[in-house]
Amino acid sequence: MPQLDTSTWFITIVSSMITLFILFQLKISAQSFPSSPSSKSLTT
């Protein structure tokens, strides 16, 4: 098993998952802040 391919795939998958996670967090926060102000008290 070539380790270079495995590490490359691992880095690609991890980076893509992090990007998706950040995008989802931005979308959720942008939608939840105006609708539910109670989330502010949780973050502070």
PDB file of N, CA and C in Angstrom:
ATOM      1  N   MET A   1       0.839  -1.203   0.000  1.00  0.00           N
ATOM      2  CA  MET A   1       0.000   0.000   0.000  1.00  0.00           C
ATOM      3  C   MET A   1       0.874   1.253   0.000  1.00  0.00           C
ATOM      4  N   PRO A   2       0.741   2.080  -1.010  1.00  0.00           N
ATOM      5  CA  PRO A   2       1.545   3.314  -1.070  1.00  0.00           C
ATOM      6  C   PRO A   2       1.096   4.307  -0.009  1.00  0.00           C
ATOM      7  N   GLN A   3       2.030   4.742   0.819  1.00  0.00           N
ATOM      8  CA  GLN A   3       1.679   5.656   1.900  1.00  0.00           C
ATOM      9  C   GLN A   3       1.421   7.071   1.372  1.00  0.00           C
ATOM     10  N   LEU A   4       2.081   7.432   0.274  1.00  0.00           N
ATOM     11  CA  LEU A   4       1.902   8.781  -0.254  1.00  0.00           C
ATOM     12  C   LEU A   4       0.455   8.992  -0.692  1.00  0.00           C
ATOM     13  N   ASP A   5      -0.107   8.006  -1.419  1.00  0.00           N
ATOM     14  CA  ASP A   5      -1.489   8.138  -1.862  1.00  0.00           C
ATOM     15  C   ASP A   5      -2.430   8.195  -0.666  1.00  0.00           C
ATOM     16  N   THR A   6      -2.158   7.368   0.338  1.00  0.00           N
ATOM     17  CA  THR A   6      -3.029   7.346   1.516  1.00  0.00           C
ATOM     18  C   THR A   6      -3.003   8.700   2.219  1.00  0.00           C
ATOM     19  N   SER A   7      -1.824   9.250   2.414  1.00  0.00           N
ATOM     20  CA  SER A   7      -1.722  10.532   3.114  1.00  0.00           C
ATOM     21  C   SER A   7      -2.361  11.644   2.281  1.00  0.00           C
ATOM     22  N   THR A   8      -2.182  11.583   0.973  1.00  0.00           N
ATOM     23  CA  THR A   8      -2.782  12.600   0.112  1.00  0.00           C
ATOM     24  C   THR A   8      -4.298  12.543   0.195  1.00  0.00           C
ATOM     25  N   TRP A   9      -4.835  11.320   0.123  1.00  0.00           N
ATOM     26  CA  TRP A   9      -6.288  11.170   0.230  1.00  0.00           C
ATOM     27  C   TRP A   9      -6.764  11.616   1.602  1.00  0.00           C
ATOM     28  N   PHE A  10      -5.998  11.277   2.643  1.00  0.00           N
ATOM     29  CA  PHE A  10      -6.390  11.660   4.002  1.00  0.00           C
ATOM     30  C   PHE A  10      -6.431  13.173   4.144  1.00  0.00           C
ATOM     31  N   ILE A  11      -5.399  13.843   3.631  1.00  0.00           N
ATOM     32  CA  ILE A  11      -5.351  15.309   3.719  1.00  0.00           C
ATOM     33  C   ILE A  11      -6.504  15.923   2.925  1.00  0.00           C
ATOM     34  N   THR A  12      -6.777  15.355   1.747  1.00  0.00           N
ATOM     35  CA  THR A  12      -7.860  15.886   0.914  1.00  0.00           C
ATOM     36  C   THR A  12      -9.205  15.737   1.606  1.00  0.00           C
ATOM     37  N   ILE A  13      -9.444  14.562   2.185  1.00  0.00           N
ATOM     38  CA  ILE A  13     -10.723  14.319   2.857  1.00  0.00           C
ATOM     39  C   ILE A  13     -10.858  15.216   4.076  1.00  0.00           C
ATOM     40  N   VAL A  14      -9.800  15.321   4.866  1.00  0.00           N
ATOM     41  CA  VAL A  14      -9.857  16.141   6.080  1.00  0.00           C
ATOM     42  C   VAL A  14     -10.083  17.610   5.719  1.00  0.00           C
ATOM     43  N   SER A  15      -9.364  18.097   4.725  1.00  0.00           N
ATOM     44  CA  SER A  15      -9.508  19.506   4.345  1.00  0.00           C
ATOM     45  C   SER A  15     -10.908  19.785   3.806  1.00  0.00           C
ATOM     46  N   SER A  16     -11.434  18.849   3.029  1.00  0.00           N
ATOM     47  CA  SER A  16     -12.784  19.052   2.491  1.00  0.00           C
ATOM     48  C   SER A  16     -13.821  19.016   3.602  1.00  0.00           C
ATOM     49  N   MET A  17     -13.640  18.123   4.581  1.00  0.00           N
ATOM     50  CA  MET A  17     -14.590  18.044   5.693  1.00  0.00           C
ATOM     51  C   MET A  17     -14.530  19.316   6.530  1.00  0.00           C
ATOM     52  N   ILE A  18     -13.322  19.842   6.751  1.00  0.00           N
ATOM     53  CA  ILE A  18     -13.186  21.079   7.523  1.00  0.00           C
ATOM     54  C   ILE A  18     -13.866  22.233   6.787  1.00  0.00           C
ATOM     55  N   THR A  19     -13.680  22.277   5.466  1.00  0.00           N
ATOM     56  CA  THR A  19     -14.311  23.337   4.684  1.00  0.00           C
ATOM     57  C   THR A  19     -15.830  23.246   4.765  1.00  0.00           C
ATOM     58  N   LEU A  20     -16.358  22.022   4.622  1.00  0.00           N
ATOM     59  CA  LEU A  20     -17.804  21.846   4.716  1.00  0.00           C
ATOM     60  C   LEU A  20     -18.302  22.224   6.103  1.00  0.00           C
ATOM     61  N   PHE A  21     -17.544  21.847   7.135  1.00  0.00           N
ATOM     62  CA  PHE A  21     -17.949  22.154   8.505  1.00  0.00           C
ATOM     63  C   PHE A  21     -18.007  23.663   8.720  1.00  0.00           C
ATOM     64  N   ILE A  22     -16.986  24.376   8.222  1.00  0.00           N
ATOM     65  CA  ILE A  22     -16.966  25.836   8.376  1.00  0.00           C
ATOM     66  C   ILE A  22     -18.135  26.463   7.620  1.00  0.00           C
ATOM     67  N   LEU A  23     -18.394  25.967   6.411  1.00  0.00           N
ATOM     68  CA  LEU A  23     -19.495  26.525   5.632  1.00  0.00           C
ATOM     69  C   LEU A  23     -20.823  26.309   6.340  1.00  0.00           C
ATOM     70  N   PHE A  24     -21.009  25.097   6.875  1.00  0.00           N
ATOM     71  CA  PHE A  24     -22.264  24.813   7.577  1.00  0.00           C
ATOM     72  C   PHE A  24     -22.384  25.669   8.827  1.00  0.00           C
ATOM     73  N   GLN A  25     -21.283  25.858   9.538  1.00  0.00           N
ATOM     74  CA  GLN A  25     -21.320  26.681  10.745  1.00  0.00           C
ATOM     75  C   GLN A  25     -21.697  28.119  10.398  1.00  0.00           C
ATOM     76  N   LEU A  26     -21.138  28.634   9.319  1.00  0.00           N
ATOM     77  CA  LEU A  26     -21.455  30.002   8.914  1.00  0.00           C
ATOM     78  C   LEU A  26     -22.929  30.115   8.536  1.00  0.00           C
ATOM     79  N   LYS A  27     -23.435  29.123   7.791  1.00  0.00           N
ATOM     80  CA  LYS A  27     -24.839  29.163   7.381  1.00  0.00           C
ATOM     81  C   LYS A  27     -25.747  29.066   8.596  1.00  0.00           C
ATOM     82  N   ILE A  28     -25.444  28.147   9.507  1.00  0.00           N
ATOM     83  CA  ILE A  28     -26.296  27.954  10.685  1.00  0.00           C
ATOM     84  C   ILE A  28     -26.267  29.204  11.563  1.00  0.00           C
ATOM     85  N   SER A  29     -25.086  29.759  11.787  1.00  0.00           N
ATOM     86  CA  SER A  29     -24.987  30.945  12.647  1.00  0.00           C
ATOM     87  C   SER A  29     -25.702  32.128  11.993  1.00  0.00           C
ATOM     88  N   ALA A  30     -25.570  32.262  10.688  1.00  0.00           N
ATOM     89  CA  ALA A  30     -26.217  33.377   9.994  1.00  0.00           C
ATOM     90  C   ALA A  30     -27.734  33.233  10.058  1.00  0.00           C
ATOM     91  N   GLN A  31     -28.230  31.996  10.080  1.00  0.00           N
ATOM     92  CA  GLN A  31     -29.678  31.800  10.104  1.00  0.00           C
ATOM     93  C   GLN A  31     -30.222  31.835  11.525  1.00  0.00           C
ATOM     94  N   SER A  32     -29.421  31.412  12.506  1.00  0.00           N
ATOM     95  CA  SER A  32     -29.947  31.273  13.867  1.00  0.00           C
ATOM     96  C   SER A  32     -29.848  32.583  14.649  1.00  0.00           C
ATOM     97  N   PHE A  33     -28.901  33.455  14.308  1.00  0.00           N
ATOM     98  CA  PHE A  33     -28.745  34.689  15.080  1.00  0.00           C
ATOM     99  C   PHE A  33     -29.970  35.596  14.978  1.00  0.00           C
ATOM    100  N   PRO A  34     -30.479  35.882  13.793  1.00  0.00           N
ATOM    101  CA  PRO A  34     -31.652  36.757  13.713  1.00  0.00           C
ATOM    102  C   PRO A  34     -32.924  36.077  14.215  1.00  0.00           C
ATOM    103  N   SER A  35     -33.021  34.763  14.088  1.00  0.00           N
ATOM    104  CA  SER A  35     -34.259  34.076  14.459  1.00  0.00           C
ATOM    105  C   SER A  35     -34.306  33.787  15.954  1.00  0.00           C
ATOM    106  N   SER A  36     -33.152  33.384  16.538  1.00  0.00           N
ATOM    107  CA  SER A  36     -33.149  33.044  17.965  1.00  0.00           C
ATOM    108  C   SER A  36     -32.039  33.807  18.680  1.00  0.00           C
ATOM    109  N   PRO A  37     -32.347  34.920  19.337  1.00  0.00           N
ATOM    110  CA  PRO A  37     -31.323  35.700  20.046  1.00  0.00           C
ATOM    111  C   PRO A  37     -30.807  34.987  21.291  1.00  0.00           C
ATOM    112  N   SER A  38     -31.476  33.903  21.702  1.00  0.00           N
ATOM    113  CA  SER A  38     -31.043  33.183  22.901  1.00  0.00           C
ATOM    114  C   SER A  38     -29.689  32.520  22.671  1.00  0.00           C
ATOM    115  N   SER A  39     -29.308  32.285  21.399  1.00  0.00           N
ATOM    116  CA  SER A  39     -28.023  31.645  21.123  1.00  0.00           C
ATOM    117  C   SER A  39     -26.866  32.563  21.538  1.00  0.00           C
ATOM    118  N   LYS A  40     -27.139  33.884  21.588  1.00  0.00           N
ATOM    119  CA  LYS A  40     -26.086  34.810  22.008  1.00  0.00           C
ATOM    120  C   LYS A  40     -25.681  34.550  23.452  1.00  0.00           C
ATOM    121  N   SER A  41     -26.652  34.303  24.302  1.00  0.00           N
ATOM    122  CA  SER A  41     -26.351  34.077  25.715  1.00  0.00           C
ATOM    123  C   SER A  41     -25.539  32.798  25.890  1.00  0.00           C
ATOM    124  N   LEU A  42     -25.713  31.847  24.973  1.00  0.00           N
ATOM    125  CA  LEU A  42     -24.968  30.597  25.096  1.00  0.00           C
ATOM    126  C   LEU A  42     -23.501  30.819  24.745  1.00  0.00           C
ATOM    127  N   THR A  43     -23.235  31.637  23.733  1.00  0.00           N
ATOM    128  CA  THR A  43     -21.853  31.840  23.302  1.00  0.00           C
ATOM    129  C   THR A  43     -21.089  32.695  24.305  1.00  0.00           C
ATOM    130  N   THR A  44     -21.754  33.651  24.942  1.00  0.00           N
ATOM    131  CA  THR A  44     -21.054  34.542  25.876  1.00  0.00           C
ATOM    132  C   THR A  44     -20.823  33.809  27.186  1.00  0.00           C
TER     133      THR A  44
END
